[in-house]
Amino acid sequence: MKLTVELTRFKVKKDKTKRVDEWIKFLNEHMEEVLLTLDDEKMYVETIFREDLHGEEFMYWYSVQGHGGQEVTDSTHWIDKKHLEFWKECIDETFTPIDLTPEVIMIPEEIRSKML
């Protein structure tokens, strides 16, 4: 089975920094529930980064995922529904997300075998 490793940059809507702060706080405060949803998605690692670049705010999603997992948009978990509400409010859909290309993926076989 193959793993997908992704890092994608999304632009935050202007004047949504405080709302993104609340979003990140929400995810951290509900981490137990967040982690429960990852099984359905076959999401082994998911990390969110933030960056201010020349006065514009971006969020990056880094993930390591197995194939055949459920899309977050298809989830019935309340935590995913809330996550998507934040997404719709804060992410600028007019900006084309930028997928960075992995050049080297370093996951020791011992860990990789547990993911698959």
PDB file of N, CA and C in Angstrom:
ATOM      1  N   MET A   1       0.847  -1.184   0.000  1.00  0.00           N
ATOM      2  CA  MET A   1       0.000   0.000   0.000  1.00  0.00           C
ATOM      3  C   MET A   1       0.888   1.241   0.000  1.00  0.00           C
ATOM      4  N   LYS A   2       0.433   2.243  -0.691  1.00  0.00           N
ATOM      5  CA  LYS A   2       1.186   3.470  -0.870  1.00  0.00           C
ATOM      6  C   LYS A   2       0.738   4.548   0.113  1.00  0.00           C
ATOM      7  N   LEU A   3       1.670   5.391   0.497  1.00  0.00           N
ATOM      8  CA  LEU A   3       1.371   6.544   1.327  1.00  0.00           C
ATOM      9  C   LEU A   3       1.407   7.800   0.471  1.00  0.00           C
ATOM     10  N   THR A   4       0.556   8.749   0.798  1.00  0.00           N
ATOM     11  CA  THR A   4       0.590  10.055   0.164  1.00  0.00           C
ATOM     12  C   THR A   4       1.121  11.044   1.189  1.00  0.00           C
ATOM     13  N   VAL A   5       2.167  11.762   0.815  1.00  0.00           N
ATOM     14  CA  VAL A   5       2.758  12.790   1.675  1.00  0.00           C
ATOM     15  C   VAL A   5       2.526  14.125   0.990  1.00  0.00           C
ATOM     16  N   GLU A   6       1.863  15.040   1.686  1.00  0.00           N
ATOM     17  CA  GLU A   6       1.506  16.323   1.080  1.00  0.00           C
ATOM     18  C   GLU A   6       1.847  17.491   1.994  1.00  0.00           C
ATOM     19  N   LEU A   7       2.159  18.604   1.349  1.00  0.00           N
ATOM     20  CA  LEU A   7       2.296  19.892   2.021  1.00  0.00           C
ATOM     21  C   LEU A   7       1.665  20.913   1.088  1.00  0.00           C
ATOM     22  N   THR A   8       0.586  21.539   1.549  1.00  0.00           N
ATOM     23  CA  THR A   8      -0.164  22.468   0.711  1.00  0.00           C
ATOM     24  C   THR A   8      -0.337  23.788   1.443  1.00  0.00           C
ATOM     25  N   ARG A   9      -0.180  24.881   0.672  1.00  0.00           N
ATOM     26  CA  ARG A   9      -0.331  26.230   1.229  1.00  0.00           C
ATOM     27  C   ARG A   9      -1.677  26.813   0.808  1.00  0.00           C
ATOM     28  N   PHE A  10      -2.404  27.362   1.783  1.00  0.00           N
ATOM     29  CA  PHE A  10      -3.678  28.013   1.567  1.00  0.00           C
ATOM     30  C   PHE A  10      -3.595  29.433   2.105  1.00  0.00           C
ATOM     31  N   LYS A  11      -4.240  30.347   1.438  1.00  0.00           N
ATOM     32  CA  LYS A  11      -4.240  31.744   1.873  1.00  0.00           C
ATOM     33  C   LYS A  11      -5.412  31.991   2.809  1.00  0.00           C
ATOM     34  N   VAL A  12      -5.142  32.723   3.870  1.00  0.00           N
ATOM     35  CA  VAL A  12      -6.168  33.114   4.830  1.00  0.00           C
ATOM     36  C   VAL A  12      -6.817  34.412   4.335  1.00  0.00           C
ATOM     37  N   LYS A  13      -8.131  34.491   4.469  1.00  0.00           N
ATOM     38  CA  LYS A  13      -8.844  35.705   4.088  1.00  0.00           C
ATOM     39  C   LYS A  13      -8.345  36.884   4.919  1.00  0.00           C
ATOM     40  N   LYS A  14      -8.364  38.040   4.299  1.00  0.00           N
ATOM     41  CA  LYS A  14      -7.948  39.269   4.978  1.00  0.00           C
ATOM     42  C   LYS A  14      -8.795  39.481   6.234  1.00  0.00           C
ATOM     43  N   ASP A  15      -8.132  39.912   7.288  1.00  0.00           N
ATOM     44  CA  ASP A  15      -8.771  40.226   8.569  1.00  0.00           C
ATOM     45  C   ASP A  15      -9.355  39.022   9.295  1.00  0.00           C
ATOM     46  N   LYS A  16      -8.858  37.818   9.021  1.00  0.00           N
ATOM     47  CA  LYS A  16      -9.352  36.614   9.696  1.00  0.00           C
ATOM     48  C   LYS A  16      -8.333  36.024  10.676  1.00  0.00           C
ATOM     49  N   THR A  17      -7.278  36.764  10.981  1.00  0.00           N
ATOM     50  CA  THR A  17      -6.231  36.250  11.868  1.00  0.00           C
ATOM     51  C   THR A  17      -6.791  35.840  13.230  1.00  0.00           C
ATOM     52  N   LYS A  18      -7.622  36.675  13.830  1.00  0.00           N
ATOM     53  CA  LYS A  18      -8.186  36.337  15.149  1.00  0.00           C
ATOM     54  C   LYS A  18      -9.059  35.090  15.069  1.00  0.00           C
ATOM     55  N   ARG A  19      -9.794  34.964  13.977  1.00  0.00           N
ATOM     56  CA  ARG A  19     -10.648  33.786  13.814  1.00  0.00           C
ATOM     57  C   ARG A  19      -9.797  32.532  13.625  1.00  0.00           C
ATOM     58  N   VAL A  20      -8.674  32.654  12.913  1.00  0.00           N
ATOM     59  CA  VAL A  20      -7.754  31.523  12.771  1.00  0.00           C
ATOM     60  C   VAL A  20      -7.172  31.162  14.135  1.00  0.00           C
ATOM     61  N   ASP A  21      -6.861  32.169  14.953  1.00  0.00           N
ATOM     62  CA  ASP A  21      -6.390  31.896  16.317  1.00  0.00           C
ATOM     63  C   ASP A  21      -7.408  31.033  17.062  1.00  0.00           C
ATOM     64  N   GLU A  22      -8.687  31.384  16.930  1.00  0.00           N
ATOM     65  CA  GLU A  22      -9.743  30.619  17.586  1.00  0.00           C
ATOM     66  C   GLU A  22      -9.826  29.200  17.020  1.00  0.00           C
ATOM     67  N   TRP A  23      -9.652  29.058  15.729  1.00  0.00           N
ATOM     68  CA  TRP A  23      -9.689  27.764  15.044  1.00  0.00           C
ATOM     69  C   TRP A  23      -8.602  26.859  15.584  1.00  0.00           C
ATOM     70  N   ILE A  24      -7.381  27.382  15.649  1.00  0.00           N
ATOM     71  CA  ILE A  24      -6.246  26.600  16.143  1.00  0.00           C
ATOM     72  C   ILE A  24      -6.460  26.229  17.613  1.00  0.00           C
ATOM     73  N   LYS A  25      -6.950  27.183  18.386  1.00  0.00           N
ATOM     74  CA  LYS A  25      -7.235  26.914  19.794  1.00  0.00           C
ATOM     75  C   LYS A  25      -8.291  25.819  19.915  1.00  0.00           C
ATOM     76  N   PHE A  26      -9.335  25.908  19.102  1.00  0.00           N
ATOM     77  CA  PHE A  26     -10.398  24.909  19.098  1.00  0.00           C
ATOM     78  C   PHE A  26      -9.837  23.512  18.814  1.00  0.00           C
ATOM     79  N   LEU A  27      -9.028  23.385  17.774  1.00  0.00           N
ATOM     80  CA  LEU A  27      -8.454  22.082  17.429  1.00  0.00           C
ATOM     81  C   LEU A  27      -7.596  21.539  18.572  1.00  0.00           C
ATOM     82  N   ASN A  28      -6.768  22.394  19.154  1.00  0.00           N
ATOM     83  CA  ASN A  28      -5.910  21.954  20.258  1.00  0.00           C
ATOM     84  C   ASN A  28      -6.715  21.566  21.497  1.00  0.00           C
ATOM     85  N   GLU A  29      -7.782  22.292  21.768  1.00  0.00           N
ATOM     86  CA  GLU A  29      -8.603  21.992  22.943  1.00  0.00           C
ATOM     87  C   GLU A  29      -9.454  20.733  22.756  1.00  0.00           C
ATOM     88  N   HIS A  30      -9.661  20.318  21.524  1.00  0.00           N
ATOM     89  CA  HIS A  30     -10.484  19.140  21.234  1.00  0.00           C
ATOM     90  C   HIS A  30      -9.657  18.050  20.549  1.00  0.00           C
ATOM     91  N   MET A  31      -8.391  17.980  20.914  1.00  0.00           N
ATOM     92  CA  MET A  31      -7.474  17.062  20.228  1.00  0.00           C
ATOM     93  C   MET A  31      -7.928  15.605  20.320  1.00  0.00           C
ATOM     94  N   GLU A  32      -8.488  15.211  21.434  1.00  0.00           N
ATOM     95  CA  GLU A  32      -8.940  13.823  21.564  1.00  0.00           C
ATOM     96  C   GLU A  32      -9.982  13.496  20.486  1.00  0.00           C
ATOM     97  N   GLU A  33     -10.942  14.391  20.289  1.00  0.00           N
ATOM     98  CA  GLU A  33     -11.968  14.182  19.264  1.00  0.00           C
ATOM     99  C   GLU A  33     -11.377  14.278  17.863  1.00  0.00           C
ATOM    100  N   VAL A  34     -10.452  15.219  17.661  1.00  0.00           N
ATOM    101  CA  VAL A  34      -9.787  15.379  16.363  1.00  0.00           C
ATOM    102  C   VAL A  34      -9.088  14.077  15.976  1.00  0.00           C
ATOM    103  N   LEU A  35      -8.349  13.513  16.901  1.00  0.00           N
ATOM    104  CA  LEU A  35      -7.592  12.293  16.610  1.00  0.00           C
ATOM    105  C   LEU A  35      -8.505  11.124  16.263  1.00  0.00           C
ATOM    106  N   LEU A  36      -9.699  11.088  16.839  1.00  0.00           N
ATOM    107  CA  LEU A  36     -10.640  10.013  16.531  1.00  0.00           C
ATOM    108  C   LEU A  36     -11.073  10.050  15.062  1.00  0.00           C
ATOM    109  N   THR A  37     -11.124  11.216  14.462  1.00  0.00           N
ATOM    110  CA  THR A  37     -11.577  11.333  13.072  1.00  0.00           C
ATOM    111  C   THR A  37     -10.513  10.892  12.072  1.00  0.00           C
ATOM    112  N   LEU A  38      -9.265  10.877  12.484  1.00  0.00           N
ATOM    113  CA  LEU A  38      -8.177  10.576  11.556  1.00  0.00           C
ATOM    114  C   LEU A  38      -8.202   9.132  11.055  1.00  0.00           C
ATOM    115  N   ASP A  39      -8.694   8.206  11.870  1.00  0.00           N
ATOM    116  CA  ASP A  39      -8.765   6.804  11.450  1.00  0.00           C
ATOM    117  C   ASP A  39      -9.592   6.643  10.175  1.00  0.00           C
ATOM    118  N   ASP A  40     -10.761   7.275  10.146  1.00  0.00           N
ATOM    119  CA  ASP A  40     -11.639   7.158   8.976  1.00  0.00           C
ATOM    120  C   ASP A  40     -10.972   7.709   7.713  1.00  0.00           C
ATOM    121  N   GLU A  41     -10.128   8.706   7.890  1.00  0.00           N
ATOM    122  CA  GLU A  41      -9.449   9.334   6.760  1.00  0.00           C
ATOM    123  C   GLU A  41      -8.157   8.606   6.369  1.00  0.00           C
ATOM    124  N   LYS A  42      -7.791   7.591   7.175  1.00  0.00           N
ATOM    125  CA  LYS A  42      -6.489   6.932   7.016  1.00  0.00           C
ATOM    126  C   LYS A  42      -5.366   7.967   7.044  1.00  0.00           C
ATOM    127  N   MET A  43      -5.541   8.939   7.939  1.00  0.00           N
ATOM    128  CA  MET A  43      -4.588  10.027   8.113  1.00  0.00           C
ATOM    129  C   MET A  43      -3.668   9.646   9.269  1.00  0.00           C
ATOM    130  N   TYR A  44      -2.402   9.429   8.945  1.00  0.00           N
ATOM    131  CA  TYR A  44      -1.435   8.995   9.949  1.00  0.00           C
ATOM    132  C   TYR A  44      -0.763  10.171  10.633  1.00  0.00           C
ATOM    133  N   VAL A  45      -0.556  11.244   9.887  1.00  0.00           N
ATOM    134  CA  VAL A  45       0.057  12.459  10.430  1.00  0.00           C
ATOM    135  C   VAL A  45      -0.631  13.642   9.768  1.00  0.00           C
ATOM    136  N   GLU A  46      -1.048  14.599  10.552  1.00  0.00           N
ATOM    137  CA  GLU A  46      -1.573  15.846   9.987  1.00  0.00           C
ATOM    138  C   GLU A  46      -1.080  16.979  10.872  1.00  0.00           C
ATOM    139  N   THR A  47      -0.475  17.960  10.258  1.00  0.00           N
ATOM    140  CA  THR A  47       0.097  19.086  10.983  1.00  0.00           C
ATOM    141  C   THR A  47      -0.280  20.369  10.257  1.00  0.00           C
ATOM    142  N   ILE A  48      -0.662  21.393  11.006  1.00  0.00           N
ATOM    143  CA  ILE A  48      -1.009  22.687  10.427  1.00  0.00           C
ATOM    144  C   ILE A  48       0.056  23.699  10.845  1.00  0.00           C
ATOM    145  N   PHE A  49       0.547  24.433   9.870  1.00  0.00           N
ATOM    146  CA  PHE A  49       1.510  25.507  10.097  1.00  0.00           C
ATOM    147  C   PHE A  49       0.880  26.829   9.677  1.00  0.00           C
ATOM    148  N   ARG A  50       1.397  27.929  10.220  1.00  0.00           N
ATOM    149  CA  ARG A  50       0.959  29.269   9.821  1.00  0.00           C
ATOM    150  C   ARG A  50       2.176  30.090   9.451  1.00  0.00           C
ATOM    151  N   GLU A  51       1.935  31.047   8.553  1.00  0.00           N
ATOM    152  CA  GLU A  51       3.027  31.920   8.129  1.00  0.00           C
ATOM    153  C   GLU A  51       2.457  33.282   7.737  1.00  0.00           C
ATOM    154  N   ASP A  52       3.161  34.329   8.133  1.00  0.00           N
ATOM    155  CA  ASP A  52       2.883  35.666   7.642  1.00  0.00           C
ATOM    156  C   ASP A  52       3.973  35.970   6.622  1.00  0.00           C
ATOM    157  N   LEU A  53       3.565  36.179   5.387  1.00  0.00           N
ATOM    158  CA  LEU A  53       4.514  36.393   4.305  1.00  0.00           C
ATOM    159  C   LEU A  53       4.187  37.722   3.634  1.00  0.00           C
ATOM    160  N   HIS A  54       5.028  38.722   3.898  1.00  0.00           N
ATOM    161  CA  HIS A  54       4.847  40.050   3.301  1.00  0.00           C
ATOM    162  C   HIS A  54       3.453  40.613   3.574  1.00  0.00           C
ATOM    163  N   GLY A  55       2.991  40.434   4.805  1.00  0.00           N
ATOM    164  CA  GLY A  55       1.705  40.994   5.202  1.00  0.00           C
ATOM    165  C   GLY A  55       0.495  40.151   4.852  1.00  0.00           C
ATOM    166  N   GLU A  56       0.698  38.982   4.262  1.00  0.00           N
ATOM    167  CA  GLU A  56      -0.407  38.080   3.967  1.00  0.00           C
ATOM    168  C   GLU A  56      -0.231  36.818   4.800  1.00  0.00           C
ATOM    169  N   GLU A  57      -1.345  36.294   5.268  1.00  0.00           N
ATOM    170  CA  GLU A  57      -1.295  35.108   6.132  1.00  0.00           C
ATOM    171  C   GLU A  57      -1.618  33.852   5.337  1.00  0.00           C
ATOM    172  N   PHE A  58      -0.853  32.802   5.612  1.00  0.00           N
ATOM    173  CA  PHE A  58      -1.049  31.514   4.957  1.00  0.00           C
ATOM    174  C   PHE A  58      -1.083  30.418   6.004  1.00  0.00           C
ATOM    175  N   MET A  59      -1.784  29.352   5.663  1.00  0.00           N
ATOM    176  CA  MET A  59      -1.786  28.154   6.478  1.00  0.00           C
ATOM    177  C   MET A  59      -1.316  27.014   5.580  1.00  0.00           C
ATOM    178  N   TYR A  60      -0.544  26.125   6.172  1.00  0.00           N
ATOM    179  CA  TYR A  60      -0.006  24.976   5.454  1.00  0.00           C
ATOM    180  C   TYR A  60      -0.500  23.707   6.134  1.00  0.00           C
ATOM    181  N   TRP A  61      -0.925  22.747   5.332  1.00  0.00           N
ATOM    182  CA  TRP A  61      -1.296  21.429   5.845  1.00  0.00           C
ATOM    183  C   TRP A  61      -0.257  20.433   5.374  1.00  0.00           C
ATOM    184  N   TYR A  62       0.362  19.766   6.340  1.00  0.00           N
ATOM    185  CA  TYR A  62       1.302  18.681   6.050  1.00  0.00           C
ATOM    186  C   TYR A  62       0.605  17.396   6.479  1.00  0.00           C
ATOM    187  N   SER A  63       0.625  16.391   5.595  1.00  0.00           N
ATOM    188  CA  SER A  63      -0.035  15.140   5.961  1.00  0.00           C
ATOM    189  C   SER A  63       0.666  13.933   5.372  1.00  0.00           C
ATOM    190  N   VAL A  64       0.519  12.835   6.089  1.00  0.00           N
ATOM    191  CA  VAL A  64       0.922  11.515   5.621  1.00  0.00           C
ATOM    192  C   VAL A  64      -0.334  10.669   5.740  1.00  0.00           C
ATOM    193  N   GLN A  65      -0.793  10.158   4.584  1.00  0.00           N
ATOM    194  CA  GLN A  65      -2.098   9.509   4.543  1.00  0.00           C
ATOM    195  C   GLN A  65      -2.045   8.243   3.706  1.00  0.00           C
ATOM    196  N   GLY A  66      -2.785   7.238   4.154  1.00  0.00           N
ATOM    197  CA  GLY A  66      -2.955   6.027   3.371  1.00  0.00           C
ATOM    198  C   GLY A  66      -4.037   6.235   2.325  1.00  0.00           C
ATOM    199  N   HIS A  67      -4.151   5.303   1.419  1.00  0.00           N
ATOM    200  CA  HIS A  67      -5.141   5.417   0.353  1.00  0.00           C
ATOM    201  C   HIS A  67      -6.484   4.839   0.778  1.00  0.00           C
ATOM    202  N   GLY A  68      -7.550   5.379   0.218  1.00  0.00           N
ATOM    203  CA  GLY A  68      -8.885   4.859   0.464  1.00  0.00           C
ATOM    204  C   GLY A  68      -9.571   5.413   1.679  1.00  0.00           C
ATOM    205  N   GLY A  69      -9.020   6.462   2.259  1.00  0.00           N
ATOM    206  CA  GLY A  69      -9.652   7.058   3.430  1.00  0.00           C
ATOM    207  C   GLY A  69     -10.820   7.946   3.065  1.00  0.00           C
ATOM    208  N   GLN A  70     -11.640   8.221   4.046  1.00  0.00           N
ATOM    209  CA  GLN A  70     -12.804   9.077   3.872  1.00  0.00           C
ATOM    210  C   GLN A  70     -12.354  10.531   3.727  1.00  0.00           C
ATOM    211  N   GLU A  71     -13.013  11.270   2.857  1.00  0.00           N
ATOM    212  CA  GLU A  71     -12.761  12.706   2.725  1.00  0.00           C
ATOM    213  C   GLU A  71     -13.361  13.412   3.936  1.00  0.00           C
ATOM    214  N   VAL A  72     -12.692  14.444   4.415  1.00  0.00           N
ATOM    215  CA  VAL A  72     -13.200  15.181   5.568  1.00  0.00           C
ATOM    216  C   VAL A  72     -14.579  15.761   5.261  1.00  0.00           C
ATOM    217  N   THR A  73     -14.829  16.105   4.008  1.00  0.00           N
ATOM    218  CA  THR A  73     -16.136  16.661   3.629  1.00  0.00           C
ATOM    219  C   THR A  73     -17.257  15.632   3.714  1.00  0.00           C
ATOM    220  N   ASP A  74     -16.906  14.350   3.753  1.00  0.00           N
ATOM    221  CA  ASP A  74     -17.904  13.284   3.876  1.00  0.00           C
ATOM    222  C   ASP A  74     -18.095  12.820   5.318  1.00  0.00           C
ATOM    223  N   SER A  75     -17.340  13.380   6.216  1.00  0.00           N
ATOM    224  CA  SER A  75     -17.373  12.946   7.611  1.00  0.00           C
ATOM    225  C   SER A  75     -18.681  13.346   8.291  1.00  0.00           C
ATOM    226  N   THR A  76     -19.126  12.499   9.209  1.00  0.00           N
ATOM    227  CA  THR A  76     -20.300  12.819  10.020  1.00  0.00           C
ATOM    228  C   THR A  76     -19.898  13.254  11.430  1.00  0.00           C
ATOM    229  N   HIS A  77     -18.599  13.268  11.733  1.00  0.00           N
ATOM    230  CA  HIS A  77     -18.118  13.692  13.053  1.00  0.00           C
ATOM    231  C   HIS A  77     -18.395  15.181  13.254  1.00  0.00           C
ATOM    232  N   TRP A  78     -18.896  15.535  14.419  1.00  0.00           N
ATOM    233  CA  TRP A  78     -19.194  16.934  14.716  1.00  0.00           C
ATOM    234  C   TRP A  78     -17.943  17.793  14.640  1.00  0.00           C
ATOM    235  N   ILE A  79     -16.821  17.228  15.043  1.00  0.00           N
ATOM    236  CA  ILE A  79     -15.575  18.015  15.062  1.00  0.00           C
ATOM    237  C   ILE A  79     -15.150  18.383  13.641  1.00  0.00           C
ATOM    238  N   ASP A  80     -15.369  17.475  12.696  1.00  0.00           N
ATOM    239  CA  ASP A  80     -15.041  17.782  11.297  1.00  0.00           C
ATOM    240  C   ASP A  80     -15.984  18.835  10.734  1.00  0.00           C
ATOM    241  N   LYS A  81     -17.236  18.790  11.106  1.00  0.00           N
ATOM    242  CA  LYS A  81     -18.194  19.798  10.639  1.00  0.00           C
ATOM    243  C   LYS A  81     -17.780  21.186  11.130  1.00  0.00           C
ATOM    244  N   LYS A  82     -17.355  21.257  12.387  1.00  0.00           N
ATOM    245  CA  LYS A  82     -16.902  22.541  12.952  1.00  0.00           C
ATOM    246  C   LYS A  82     -15.615  22.992  12.254  1.00  0.00           C
ATOM    247  N   HIS A  83     -14.715  22.060  12.011  1.00  0.00           N
ATOM    248  CA  HIS A  83     -13.463  22.347  11.311  1.00  0.00           C
ATOM    249  C   HIS A  83     -13.762  22.944   9.931  1.00  0.00           C
ATOM    250  N   LEU A  84     -14.710  22.366   9.214  1.00  0.00           N
ATOM    251  CA  LEU A  84     -15.068  22.860   7.888  1.00  0.00           C
ATOM    252  C   LEU A  84     -15.757  24.228   7.950  1.00  0.00           C
ATOM    253  N   GLU A  85     -16.488  24.504   9.032  1.00  0.00           N
ATOM    254  CA  GLU A  85     -17.068  25.838   9.211  1.00  0.00           C
ATOM    255  C   GLU A  85     -15.958  26.882   9.308  1.00  0.00           C
ATOM    256  N   PHE A  86     -14.935  26.587  10.122  1.00  0.00           N
ATOM    257  CA  PHE A  86     -13.791  27.499  10.228  1.00  0.00           C
ATOM    258  C   PHE A  86     -13.133  27.661   8.859  1.00  0.00           C
ATOM    259  N   TRP A  87     -12.949  26.539   8.164  1.00  0.00           N
ATOM    260  CA  TRP A  87     -12.304  26.560   6.842  1.00  0.00           C
ATOM    261  C   TRP A  87     -13.033  27.533   5.909  1.00  0.00           C
ATOM    262  N   LYS A  88     -14.355  27.358   5.801  1.00  0.00           N
ATOM    263  CA  LYS A  88     -15.139  28.194   4.894  1.00  0.00           C
ATOM    264  C   LYS A  88     -15.065  29.669   5.276  1.00  0.00           C
ATOM    265  N   GLU A  89     -14.998  29.937   6.566  1.00  0.00           N
ATOM    266  CA  GLU A  89     -14.940  31.312   7.030  1.00  0.00           C
ATOM    267  C   GLU A  89     -13.561  31.940   6.823  1.00  0.00           C
ATOM    268  N   CYS A  90     -12.513  31.147   6.927  1.00  0.00           N
ATOM    269  CA  CYS A  90     -11.156  31.707   6.999  1.00  0.00           C
ATOM    270  C   CYS A  90     -10.286  31.516   5.764  1.00  0.00           C
ATOM    271  N   ILE A  91     -10.514  30.490   4.972  1.00  0.00           N
ATOM    272  CA  ILE A  91      -9.632  30.200   3.838  1.00  0.00           C
ATOM    273  C   ILE A  91     -10.145  30.901   2.582  1.00  0.00           C
ATOM    274  N   ASP A  92      -9.239  31.590   1.905  1.00  0.00           N
ATOM    275  CA  ASP A  92      -9.556  32.332   0.688  1.00  0.00           C
ATOM    276  C   ASP A  92      -9.636  31.365  -0.491  1.00  0.00           C
ATOM    277  N   GLU A  93     -10.847  31.055  -0.901  1.00  0.00           N
ATOM    278  CA  GLU A  93     -11.065  30.106  -1.989  1.00  0.00           C
ATOM    279  C   GLU A  93     -10.690  30.679  -3.358  1.00  0.00           C
ATOM    280  N   THR A  94     -10.453  32.001  -3.442  1.00  0.00           N
ATOM    281  CA  THR A  94     -10.046  32.587  -4.723  1.00  0.00           C
ATOM    282  C   THR A  94      -8.554  32.389  -4.978  1.00  0.00           C
ATOM    283  N   PHE A  95      -7.817  32.019  -3.952  1.00  0.00           N
ATOM    284  CA  PHE A  95      -6.383  31.739  -4.073  1.00  0.00           C
ATOM    285  C   PHE A  95      -6.208  30.259  -4.391  1.00  0.00           C
ATOM    286  N   THR A  96      -5.491  29.970  -5.450  1.00  0.00           N
ATOM    287  CA  THR A  96      -5.236  28.578  -5.811  1.00  0.00           C
ATOM    288  C   THR A  96      -4.241  27.975  -4.821  1.00  0.00           C
ATOM    289  N   PRO A  97      -4.640  26.909  -4.114  1.00  0.00           N
ATOM    290  CA  PRO A  97      -3.704  26.283  -3.171  1.00  0.00           C
ATOM    291  C   PRO A  97      -2.431  25.847  -3.888  1.00  0.00           C
ATOM    292  N   ILE A  98      -1.333  25.926  -3.172  1.00  0.00           N
ATOM    293  CA  ILE A  98      -0.046  25.544  -3.740  1.00  0.00           C
ATOM    294  C   ILE A  98       0.421  24.255  -3.079  1.00  0.00           C
ATOM    295  N   ASP A  99       0.552  23.210  -3.892  1.00  0.00           N
ATOM    296  CA  ASP A  99       1.078  21.936  -3.414  1.00  0.00           C
ATOM    297  C   ASP A  99       2.586  21.937  -3.602  1.00  0.00           C
ATOM    298  N   LEU A 100       3.304  21.776  -2.515  1.00  0.00           N
ATOM    299  CA  LEU A 100       4.748  21.660  -2.611  1.00  0.00           C
ATOM    300  C   LEU A 100       5.083  20.214  -2.960  1.00  0.00           C
ATOM    301  N   THR A 101       6.144  20.022  -3.707  1.00  0.00           N
ATOM    302  CA  THR A 101       6.510  18.692  -4.183  1.00  0.00           C
ATOM    303  C   THR A 101       7.506  18.046  -3.229  1.00  0.00           C
ATOM    304  N   PRO A 102       7.164  16.876  -2.688  1.00  0.00           N
ATOM    305  CA  PRO A 102       8.145  16.192  -1.829  1.00  0.00           C
ATOM    306  C   PRO A 102       9.304  15.671  -2.684  1.00  0.00           C
ATOM    307  N   GLU A 103      10.491  15.956  -2.266  1.00  0.00           N
ATOM    308  CA  GLU A 103      11.688  15.500  -2.970  1.00  0.00           C
ATOM    309  C   GLU A 103      12.284  14.265  -2.312  1.00  0.00           C
ATOM    310  N   VAL A 104      12.188  14.206  -1.004  1.00  0.00           N
ATOM    311  CA  VAL A 104      12.705  13.070  -0.248  1.00  0.00           C
ATOM    312  C   VAL A 104      11.716  12.796   0.880  1.00  0.00           C
ATOM    313  N   ILE A 105      11.291  11.561   1.016  1.00  0.00           N
ATOM    314  CA  ILE A 105      10.388  11.171   2.096  1.00  0.00           C
ATOM    315  C   ILE A 105      11.158  10.217   3.002  1.00  0.00           C
ATOM    316  N   MET A 106      11.361  10.640   4.226  1.00  0.00           N
ATOM    317  CA  MET A 106      12.163   9.864   5.166  1.00  0.00           C
ATOM    318  C   MET A 106      11.277   9.341   6.290  1.00  0.00           C
ATOM    319  N   ILE A 107      10.787   8.155   6.117  1.00  0.00           N
ATOM    320  CA  ILE A 107       9.996   7.476   7.139  1.00  0.00           C
ATOM    321  C   ILE A 107      10.639   6.114   7.338  1.00  0.00           C
ATOM    322  N   PRO A 108      11.214   5.873   8.502  1.00  0.00           N
ATOM    323  CA  PRO A 108      11.838   4.574   8.738  1.00  0.00           C
ATOM    324  C   PRO A 108      10.849   3.430   8.504  1.00  0.00           C
ATOM    325  N   GLU A 109      11.339   2.343   7.982  1.00  0.00           N
ATOM    326  CA  GLU A 109      10.500   1.191   7.651  1.00  0.00           C
ATOM    327  C   GLU A 109       9.689   0.713   8.849  1.00  0.00           C
ATOM    328  N   GLU A 110      10.281   0.753  10.023  1.00  0.00           N
ATOM    329  CA  GLU A 110       9.574   0.320  11.240  1.00  0.00           C
ATOM    330  C   GLU A 110       8.299   1.131  11.443  1.00  0.00           C
ATOM    331  N   ILE A 111       8.355   2.420  11.180  1.00  0.00           N
ATOM    332  CA  ILE A 111       7.179   3.297  11.335  1.00  0.00           C
ATOM    333  C   ILE A 111       6.261   3.147  10.127  1.00  0.00           C
ATOM    334  N   ARG A 112       6.817   3.132   8.925  1.00  0.00           N
ATOM    335  CA  ARG A 112       6.034   2.975   7.697  1.00  0.00           C
ATOM    336  C   ARG A 112       5.180   1.706   7.745  1.00  0.00           C
ATOM    337  N   SER A 113       5.756   0.615   8.203  1.00  0.00           N
ATOM    338  CA  SER A 113       5.026  -0.659   8.247  1.00  0.00           C
ATOM    339  C   SER A 113       3.843  -0.587   9.223  1.00  0.00           C
ATOM    340  N   LYS A 114       3.961   0.212  10.248  1.00  0.00           N
ATOM    341  CA  LYS A 114       2.847   0.381  11.193  1.00  0.00           C
ATOM    342  C   LYS A 114       1.755   1.260  10.619  1.00  0.00           C
ATOM    343  N   MET A 115       2.129   2.148   9.699  1.00  0.00           N
ATOM    344  CA  MET A 115       1.141   3.000   9.037  1.00  0.00           C
ATOM    345  C   MET A 115       0.318   2.189   8.049  1.00  0.00           C
ATOM    346  N   LEU A 116       0.947   1.273   7.392  1.00  0.00           N
ATOM    347  CA  LEU A 116       0.263   0.509   6.349  1.00  0.00           C
ATOM    348  C   LEU A 116      -0.378  -0.684   6.992  1.00  0.00           C
TER     349      LEU A 116
END
